[in-house]
Amino acid sequence: MTKENIIWLQREQQRGHHGEKYSLAMPVLTTDAESETGIPKSFSNELLSETMEEIEHTCPQPRLTLAAPAPFADEISCQCQAPHEKLTISQAHLGTPVDRPVRVYADGIFDLFHSGHARALMQAKTLFPNSYLLVGVCSDDLTHKFKGFTVMNETERYEALRHCRYVDEVIRDAPWTLTPEFLEKHKIDFVAHDDIPYSSAGSDDVYKHIKEAGMFVPTQRTEGISTSDIITRIVRDYDVYARRNLQRGYTAKELNVSFINEKKYRFQNQVDKMKEKVKNVEEKSKEFVNKVEEKSHDLIQKWEEKSREFIGNFLELFGPDGAWKQMFQERSGRMLQALSPRQSPTSSPTRGRSPSRSPSPPSPWLFNKASPPTSPKAASASVSSMSEGDEDEK
């Protein structure tokens, strides 16, 4: 049997069992006793290398959409039959190999999933240009055995990881210490974790053998946030949270609160309610006082403006040079003129008088003051002079 016939037979047998995908399993042929697979030893290695080149990688690709949560590993386990070549960190940074992503693994407890966890997974996802991030989550039994009691159970922790945007696949019930079998099963290229030695399970650093194998890539911890810090805050403010949850309707049994503490918390809640009411009344009274003060200031300002206007008008009327004084002077002058008219002149030309005006009769006292005539001639002379005067006036 020629070399070409052997390759053709292998392809036909693989098409019958696996469709168009080829595996490394070789059919047993009995044409040559020198080889266990029936392939002559002279070209068995050459045939194997040529067959491996034709096998394509079918590893899962990174998620391109965030419309659904990340799948579990037991639901889409990697069935790729192509050989998984060992990569160096420099090769992974260059983006090789081109036909499959770099498979990065990160594990943890992820209790009370917070921003520090998310940042660590973001760093693991962005270590290389084309990365597929697998996240292993330890079960409750394993965590309680090596670390302690958790706030969230394993199901809640699994679901929290599935809904993180950086995660491509979640491995449930992950091992506490990574074994070669586990790394080979999931075709893991690198393990991402912070570089601080993690002492547990009787070891100074559970990632020591990973670091020695050149598969470890470090990430940076986020300072100021951790699960232990969050639990410490809850324990420190336990009374506040217990009182709040009692007020929301939780029972003392659900909160593991004793009878005495329950009564104490409820009494404190009532006191807080009264304080809140008093505070609201004080705030409202302060607002009322402020409004009254604002209005009083406005009223005082308006009163001052009106008073200034009134005083100005008063001064314009009754001031030293006011309009009332001028008016009074004018009226008083008119009254004086009306009460004491001007006297007519004693000697006025007779011709200038109006002809219609009759001469006023002589006053009787003038005659009384005149001396009586001493002689008849004088009397007649006086009478004649008076008659002449009358004629002149006429």
Protein backbone atom coordinates (compact mmCIF):
# COMPACT_ATOMS: atom_id res chain seq x y z
CA MET A 1 0.00 0.00 0.00
CA THR A 2 1.38 3.32 -1.03
CA LYS A 3 1.62 6.42 1.12
CA GLU A 4 -1.18 8.15 -0.77
CA ASN A 5 -3.54 5.20 -0.26
CA ILE A 6 -2.90 5.18 3.47
CA ILE A 7 -3.67 8.91 3.78
CA TRP A 8 -6.82 8.52 1.70
CA LEU A 9 -8.00 5.60 3.85
CA GLN A 10 -7.43 7.54 7.03
CA ARG A 11 -9.41 10.51 5.73
CA GLU A 12 -12.33 8.36 4.66
CA GLN A 13 -12.49 6.60 8.00
CA GLN A 14 -12.39 9.92 9.89
CA ARG A 15 -15.15 11.37 7.68
CA GLY A 16 -17.36 8.43 8.56
CA HIS A 17 -16.94 8.92 12.31
CA HIS A 18 -16.36 12.65 12.80
CA GLY A 19 -17.56 14.35 9.61
CA GLU A 20 -14.95 16.70 8.16
CA LYS A 21 -12.92 16.94 11.42
CA TYR A 22 -9.75 14.88 11.66
CA SER A 23 -8.31 13.46 14.84
CA LEU A 24 -4.96 12.05 15.79
CA ALA A 25 -6.31 8.53 16.21
CA MET A 26 -4.77 6.30 13.57
CA PRO A 27 -6.62 3.24 12.18
CA VAL A 28 -4.87 -0.07 12.71
CA LEU A 29 -3.64 -1.49 9.42
CA THR A 30 -2.11 -4.92 9.02
CA THR A 31 -0.21 -4.33 5.80
CA ASP A 32 3.10 -3.87 7.56
CA ALA A 33 4.24 -5.83 10.58
CA GLU A 34 6.92 -3.31 11.38
CA SER A 35 4.40 -0.76 12.70
CA GLU A 36 1.68 -1.12 15.37
CA THR A 37 -0.64 1.05 13.35
CA GLY A 38 0.08 -0.69 10.06
CA ILE A 39 2.06 2.30 8.76
CA PRO A 40 5.56 1.50 7.60
CA LYS A 41 8.19 2.89 9.93
CA SER A 42 10.01 4.51 7.03
CA PHE A 43 7.42 7.21 6.63
CA SER A 44 5.23 6.97 9.76
CA ASN A 45 6.67 10.18 11.30
CA GLU A 46 6.30 12.04 8.02
CA LEU A 47 2.68 10.94 7.70
CA LEU A 48 1.90 11.99 11.27
CA SER A 49 3.28 15.50 10.81
CA GLU A 50 1.38 15.95 7.53
CA THR A 51 -1.88 14.82 9.15
CA MET A 52 -1.37 17.19 12.11
CA GLU A 53 -0.95 20.14 9.79
CA GLU A 54 -4.36 19.51 8.27
CA ILE A 55 -6.19 19.44 11.63
CA GLU A 56 -7.85 22.79 12.40
CA HIS A 57 -8.40 24.28 15.86
CA THR A 58 -12.02 24.34 17.01
CA CYS A 59 -11.44 26.07 20.36
CA PRO A 60 -14.29 28.34 21.56
CA GLN A 61 -13.85 31.96 20.56
CA PRO A 62 -14.21 34.99 22.87
CA ARG A 63 -17.69 36.37 23.31
CA LEU A 64 -18.62 38.99 20.76
CA THR A 65 -21.99 39.85 22.29
CA LEU A 66 -23.04 40.63 25.84
CA ALA A 67 -26.71 39.81 25.37
CA ALA A 68 -26.37 36.53 27.28
CA PRO A 69 -24.35 35.41 30.33
CA ALA A 70 -21.12 33.48 29.96
CA PRO A 71 -21.58 29.68 29.61
CA PHE A 72 -20.35 27.04 32.02
CA ALA A 73 -17.37 24.90 31.03
CA ASP A 74 -19.30 21.63 31.32
CA GLU A 75 -21.79 22.97 28.77
CA ILE A 76 -19.27 23.88 26.06
CA SER A 77 -16.12 21.93 26.87
CA CYS A 78 -13.30 22.35 24.39
CA GLN A 79 -13.50 19.38 21.96
CA CYS A 80 -10.68 20.57 19.74
CA GLN A 81 -8.56 17.61 18.53
CA ALA A 82 -5.67 19.74 17.28
CA PRO A 83 -2.48 19.63 19.32
CA HIS A 84 -2.25 22.43 21.88
CA GLU A 85 1.19 23.88 21.40
CA LYS A 86 2.85 25.44 24.41
CA LEU A 87 3.19 29.23 24.04
CA THR A 88 5.62 31.64 25.56
CA ILE A 89 4.53 35.01 26.95
CA SER A 90 6.33 36.85 24.15
CA GLN A 91 4.50 34.76 21.53
CA ALA A 92 1.15 35.44 23.21
CA HIS A 93 1.85 39.19 23.26
CA LEU A 94 2.40 39.03 19.50
CA GLY A 95 -1.05 37.52 19.04
CA THR A 96 0.05 34.04 17.99
CA PRO A 97 -1.26 31.55 17.15
CA VAL A 98 -3.59 33.12 14.63
CA ASP A 99 -5.99 30.17 14.41
CA ARG A 100 -7.00 30.10 18.10
CA PRO A 101 -7.19 32.50 21.08
CA VAL A 102 -4.81 32.44 24.02
CA ARG A 103 -6.61 30.62 26.84
CA VAL A 104 -6.09 32.47 30.14
CA TYR A 105 -7.30 31.04 33.45
CA ALA A 106 -8.14 32.99 36.64
CA ASP A 107 -9.58 31.44 39.78
CA GLY A 108 -10.88 32.61 43.14
CA ILE A 109 -13.72 32.57 45.66
CA PHE A 110 -15.38 35.80 44.40
CA ASP A 111 -17.52 36.23 47.51
CA LEU A 112 -19.50 39.52 47.53
CA PHE A 113 -18.39 40.22 43.97
CA HIS A 114 -17.08 43.81 43.86
CA SER A 115 -15.09 46.20 41.68
CA GLY A 116 -11.75 44.74 42.80
CA HIS A 117 -12.75 41.36 41.36
CA ALA A 118 -13.95 42.98 38.14
CA ARG A 119 -10.70 44.93 37.70
CA ALA A 120 -8.61 41.77 38.20
CA LEU A 121 -10.65 39.95 35.54
CA MET A 122 -10.35 42.93 33.20
CA GLN A 123 -6.56 42.79 33.52
CA ALA A 124 -6.54 39.04 32.86
CA LYS A 125 -8.75 39.52 29.79
CA THR A 126 -6.56 42.26 28.32
CA LEU A 127 -3.16 40.63 28.92
CA PHE A 128 -2.90 39.52 25.29
CA PRO A 129 -4.42 40.76 22.01
CA ASN A 130 -6.63 37.68 21.54
CA SER A 131 -7.58 36.15 24.90
CA TYR A 132 -10.22 33.67 26.00
CA LEU A 133 -10.79 34.07 29.75
CA LEU A 134 -11.77 31.05 31.80
CA VAL A 135 -12.71 31.74 35.43
CA GLY A 136 -12.67 28.98 38.02
CA VAL A 137 -14.87 29.32 41.12
CA CYS A 138 -14.33 27.03 44.12
CA SER A 139 -17.31 25.26 45.68
CA ASP A 140 -18.69 25.89 49.17
CA ASP A 141 -17.24 22.68 50.62
CA LEU A 142 -13.74 23.43 49.37
CA THR A 143 -13.91 27.09 50.42
CA HIS A 144 -15.22 26.36 53.92
CA LYS A 145 -12.50 23.76 54.36
CA PHE A 146 -9.49 25.89 53.38
CA LYS A 147 -10.64 29.48 53.88
CA GLY A 148 -13.81 29.78 55.92
CA PHE A 149 -17.50 30.56 55.74
CA THR A 150 -18.75 32.70 52.85
CA VAL A 151 -21.57 35.22 52.70
CA MET A 152 -22.80 34.08 49.27
CA ASN A 153 -23.30 30.44 48.41
CA GLU A 154 -21.65 28.80 45.42
CA THR A 155 -24.66 29.22 43.12
CA GLU A 156 -24.78 32.95 43.77
CA ARG A 157 -21.05 33.24 43.20
CA TYR A 158 -21.27 31.29 39.94
CA GLU A 159 -24.02 33.55 38.65
CA ALA A 160 -22.13 36.71 39.64
CA LEU A 161 -19.19 35.60 37.46
CA ARG A 162 -21.40 34.65 34.54
CA HIS A 163 -22.71 38.20 34.31
CA CYS A 164 -19.29 39.86 34.25
CA ARG A 165 -18.52 41.25 30.79
CA TYR A 166 -14.87 40.09 30.81
CA VAL A 167 -15.62 36.40 31.43
CA ASP A 168 -15.89 34.01 28.48
CA GLU A 169 -16.40 30.77 30.41
CA VAL A 170 -17.04 29.77 34.05
CA ILE A 171 -15.64 26.55 35.56
CA ARG A 172 -17.69 25.37 38.52
CA ASP A 173 -16.14 23.48 41.45
CA ALA A 174 -12.61 24.54 40.49
CA PRO A 175 -9.70 22.85 42.27
CA TRP A 176 -7.90 24.63 45.12
CA THR A 177 -4.49 23.72 43.67
CA LEU A 178 -4.04 23.49 39.92
CA THR A 179 -2.90 20.11 38.66
CA PRO A 180 -1.35 19.23 35.28
CA GLU A 181 -4.44 17.16 34.45
CA PHE A 182 -6.71 20.15 35.02
CA LEU A 183 -4.52 22.43 32.91
CA GLU A 184 -4.41 19.87 30.10
CA LYS A 185 -8.15 19.19 30.24
CA HIS A 186 -9.08 22.84 29.74
CA LYS A 187 -6.11 23.57 27.44
CA ILE A 188 -4.92 26.44 29.62
CA ASP A 189 -2.01 28.51 28.33
CA PHE A 190 -1.50 30.93 31.24
CA VAL A 191 -2.77 31.48 34.80
CA ALA A 192 -3.52 35.07 35.90
CA HIS A 193 -3.43 36.13 39.55
CA ASP A 194 -1.86 38.83 41.71
CA ASP A 195 1.81 38.24 42.43
CA ILE A 196 1.45 38.16 46.24
CA PRO A 197 2.27 34.62 47.52
CA TYR A 198 -1.00 32.90 48.40
CA SER A 199 -0.34 30.52 51.29
CA SER A 200 -3.00 27.85 51.71
CA ALA A 201 -3.53 24.10 51.91
CA GLY A 202 -0.17 23.58 53.57
CA SER A 203 1.78 25.46 50.90
CA ASP A 204 3.58 28.78 51.06
CA ASP A 205 2.35 29.63 47.56
CA VAL A 206 -0.23 27.53 45.72
CA TYR A 207 0.92 29.09 42.42
CA LYS A 208 4.60 28.25 42.91
CA HIS A 209 4.66 25.38 40.41
CA ILE A 210 2.75 27.53 37.87
CA LYS A 211 5.37 30.27 38.19
CA GLU A 212 8.19 27.76 37.78
CA ALA A 213 6.57 26.42 34.60
CA GLY A 214 6.48 29.91 33.06
CA MET A 215 2.67 29.95 32.85
CA PHE A 216 2.02 32.66 35.46
CA VAL A 217 1.08 36.23 34.48
CA PRO A 218 0.60 38.74 37.33
CA THR A 219 -2.26 41.18 37.82
CA GLN A 220 -2.52 44.15 40.17
CA ARG A 221 -4.76 44.24 43.24
CA THR A 222 -7.15 47.15 43.75
CA GLU A 223 -6.32 48.86 47.02
CA GLY A 224 -9.08 49.87 49.40
CA ILE A 225 -11.61 47.23 48.36
CA SER A 226 -11.83 43.55 49.25
CA THR A 227 -14.35 41.04 50.54
CA SER A 228 -12.76 41.16 53.99
CA ASP A 229 -13.08 44.97 54.07
CA ILE A 230 -16.77 44.78 53.21
CA ILE A 231 -17.42 42.16 55.89
CA THR A 232 -15.51 44.30 58.41
CA ARG A 233 -17.78 47.25 57.65
CA ILE A 234 -20.87 45.10 58.16
CA VAL A 235 -19.60 43.75 61.49
CA ARG A 236 -18.60 47.24 62.64
CA ASP A 237 -22.04 48.67 61.84
CA TYR A 238 -23.97 45.55 62.81
CA ASP A 239 -26.44 47.39 65.05
CA VAL A 240 -27.34 49.82 62.29
CA TYR A 241 -27.99 47.04 59.75
CA ALA A 242 -29.94 44.94 62.28
CA ARG A 243 -32.18 47.87 63.21
CA ARG A 244 -32.74 48.75 59.56
CA ASN A 245 -33.69 45.19 58.62
CA LEU A 246 -36.02 44.88 61.61
CA GLN A 247 -37.72 48.05 60.45
CA ARG A 248 -38.05 46.60 56.94
CA GLY A 249 -39.93 43.57 58.24
CA TYR A 250 -37.29 40.90 58.93
CA THR A 251 -37.82 38.87 62.10
CA ALA A 252 -35.37 38.61 64.96
CA LYS A 253 -34.98 34.90 64.24
CA GLU A 254 -33.96 35.59 60.62
CA LEU A 255 -31.39 38.13 61.81
CA ASN A 256 -30.20 35.88 64.68
CA VAL A 257 -30.99 38.66 67.18
CA SER A 258 -31.84 37.89 70.80
CA PHE A 259 -35.11 38.98 72.44
CA ILE A 260 -33.46 41.71 74.50
CA ASN A 261 -31.55 43.11 71.55
CA GLU A 262 -34.71 43.06 69.46
CA LYS A 263 -36.55 45.20 72.01
CA LYS A 264 -33.56 47.50 72.30
CA TYR A 265 -33.34 47.94 68.54
CA ARG A 266 -37.07 48.60 68.21
CA PHE A 267 -36.93 51.18 71.01
CA GLN A 268 -33.98 52.86 69.30
CA ASN A 269 -35.96 52.91 66.06
CA GLN A 270 -38.82 54.68 67.83
CA VAL A 271 -36.41 57.19 69.34
CA ASP A 272 -34.92 57.82 65.91
CA LYS A 273 -38.39 58.40 64.48
CA MET A 274 -39.12 60.97 67.18
CA LYS A 275 -35.78 62.65 66.53
CA GLU A 276 -36.57 62.75 62.84
CA LYS A 277 -39.95 64.35 63.53
CA VAL A 278 -38.41 66.94 65.83
CA LYS A 279 -35.74 67.61 63.24
CA ASN A 280 -38.38 68.10 60.57
CA VAL A 281 -40.31 70.48 62.84
CA GLU A 282 -37.14 72.42 63.56
CA GLU A 283 -36.34 72.67 59.90
CA LYS A 284 -39.84 73.83 59.07
CA SER A 285 -39.76 76.38 61.91
CA LYS A 286 -36.41 77.64 60.70
CA GLU A 287 -37.82 77.99 57.20
CA PHE A 288 -40.83 79.88 58.62
CA VAL A 289 -38.61 82.20 60.67
CA ASN A 290 -36.41 82.83 57.66
CA LYS A 291 -39.45 83.66 55.56
CA VAL A 292 -40.76 86.01 58.29
CA GLU A 293 -37.37 87.68 58.54
CA GLU A 294 -37.23 88.14 54.79
CA LYS A 295 -40.73 89.60 54.75
CA SER A 296 -39.97 91.84 57.74
CA HIS A 297 -36.86 93.12 56.01
CA ASP A 298 -38.92 93.83 52.92
CA LEU A 299 -41.59 95.61 54.99
CA ILE A 300 -39.02 97.68 56.87
CA GLN A 301 -37.33 98.62 53.63
CA LYS A 302 -40.65 99.62 52.06
CA TRP A 303 -41.63 101.57 55.21
CA GLU A 304 -38.32 103.43 55.13
CA GLU A 305 -38.85 104.28 51.47
CA LYS A 306 -42.40 105.47 52.12
CA SER A 307 -41.31 107.48 55.17
CA ARG A 308 -38.57 109.19 53.18
CA GLU A 309 -41.06 109.97 50.44
CA PHE A 310 -43.54 111.37 52.99
CA ILE A 311 -40.91 113.53 54.69
CA GLY A 312 -39.74 114.84 51.31
CA ASN A 313 -43.27 115.74 50.30
CA PHE A 314 -43.86 117.40 53.67
CA LEU A 315 -40.73 119.48 53.35
CA GLU A 316 -41.67 120.49 49.85
CA LEU A 317 -44.99 121.78 51.19
CA PHE A 318 -44.11 123.14 54.65
CA GLY A 319 -40.37 123.70 54.48
CA PRO A 320 -38.64 127.13 54.66
CA ASP A 321 -38.91 127.48 50.91
CA GLY A 322 -41.91 125.26 50.48
CA ALA A 323 -44.90 125.74 48.25
CA TRP A 324 -47.22 126.28 51.22
CA LYS A 325 -45.24 129.31 52.44
CA GLN A 326 -45.27 130.87 49.00
CA MET A 327 -48.97 130.24 48.69
CA PHE A 328 -49.59 131.69 52.17
CA GLN A 329 -47.61 134.77 51.37
CA GLU A 330 -49.54 135.29 48.16
CA ARG A 331 -52.89 134.86 49.91
CA SER A 332 -51.90 137.07 52.83
CA GLY A 333 -50.81 139.79 50.40
CA ARG A 334 -54.11 139.57 48.61
CA MET A 335 -56.04 139.81 51.87
CA LEU A 336 -54.05 142.80 53.06
CA GLN A 337 -54.58 144.50 49.73
CA ALA A 338 -58.27 143.76 49.93
CA LEU A 339 -58.55 145.02 53.51
CA SER A 340 -56.53 148.23 53.02
CA PRO A 341 -56.88 149.64 49.46
CA ARG A 342 -54.72 152.53 48.27
CA GLN A 343 -55.78 156.17 48.99
CA SER A 344 -56.62 158.49 46.07
CA PRO A 345 -54.25 161.49 45.52
CA THR A 346 -55.22 164.81 47.20
CA SER A 347 -54.57 167.05 44.17
CA SER A 348 -55.53 165.56 40.86
CA PRO A 349 -56.27 167.37 37.65
CA THR A 350 -59.96 168.04 37.24
CA ARG A 351 -59.84 167.40 33.58
CA GLY A 352 -58.50 163.98 33.98
CA ARG A 353 -61.49 162.80 35.94
CA SER A 354 -64.34 160.99 34.39
CA PRO A 355 -67.34 163.16 33.63
CA SER A 356 -69.72 160.56 34.97
CA ARG A 357 -68.23 160.66 38.41
CA SER A 358 -69.98 163.23 40.65
CA PRO A 359 -68.03 165.14 43.24
CA SER A 360 -68.31 163.85 46.74
CA PRO A 361 -70.25 166.11 49.05
CA PRO A 362 -68.24 168.10 51.45
CA SER A 363 -67.86 166.55 54.80
CA PRO A 364 -69.72 168.17 57.59
CA TRP A 365 -66.66 168.29 59.79
CA LEU A 366 -64.99 170.60 57.31
CA PHE A 367 -67.65 173.16 57.91
CA ASN A 368 -67.43 172.68 61.57
CA LYS A 369 -63.76 173.36 61.53
CA ALA A 370 -64.15 176.44 59.30
CA SER A 371 -64.35 179.64 61.18
CA PRO A 372 -67.66 181.48 60.93
CA PRO A 373 -67.66 184.55 58.76
CA THR A 374 -67.02 187.65 60.64
CA SER A 375 -68.85 189.88 58.25
CA PRO A 376 -71.54 189.62 55.60
CA LYS A 377 -68.98 190.39 52.92
CA ALA A 378 -66.80 187.55 53.94
CA ALA A 379 -69.71 185.14 53.99
CA SER A 380 -70.79 186.19 50.57
CA ALA A 381 -67.25 185.84 49.29
CA SER A 382 -66.99 182.35 50.61
CA VAL A 383 -70.26 181.34 49.08
CA SER A 384 -69.22 182.74 45.76
CA SER A 385 -65.90 180.90 45.87
CA MET A 386 -67.67 177.59 46.63
CA SER A 387 -70.02 178.12 43.77
CA GLU A 388 -67.11 178.77 41.47
CA GLY A 389 -65.46 175.69 42.57
CA ASP A 390 -68.60 173.70 41.87
CA GLU A 391 -68.79 175.10 38.48
CA ASP A 392 -65.20 174.25 37.79
CA GLU A 393 -65.80 170.63 38.80
CA LYS A 394 -68.77 170.47 36.51
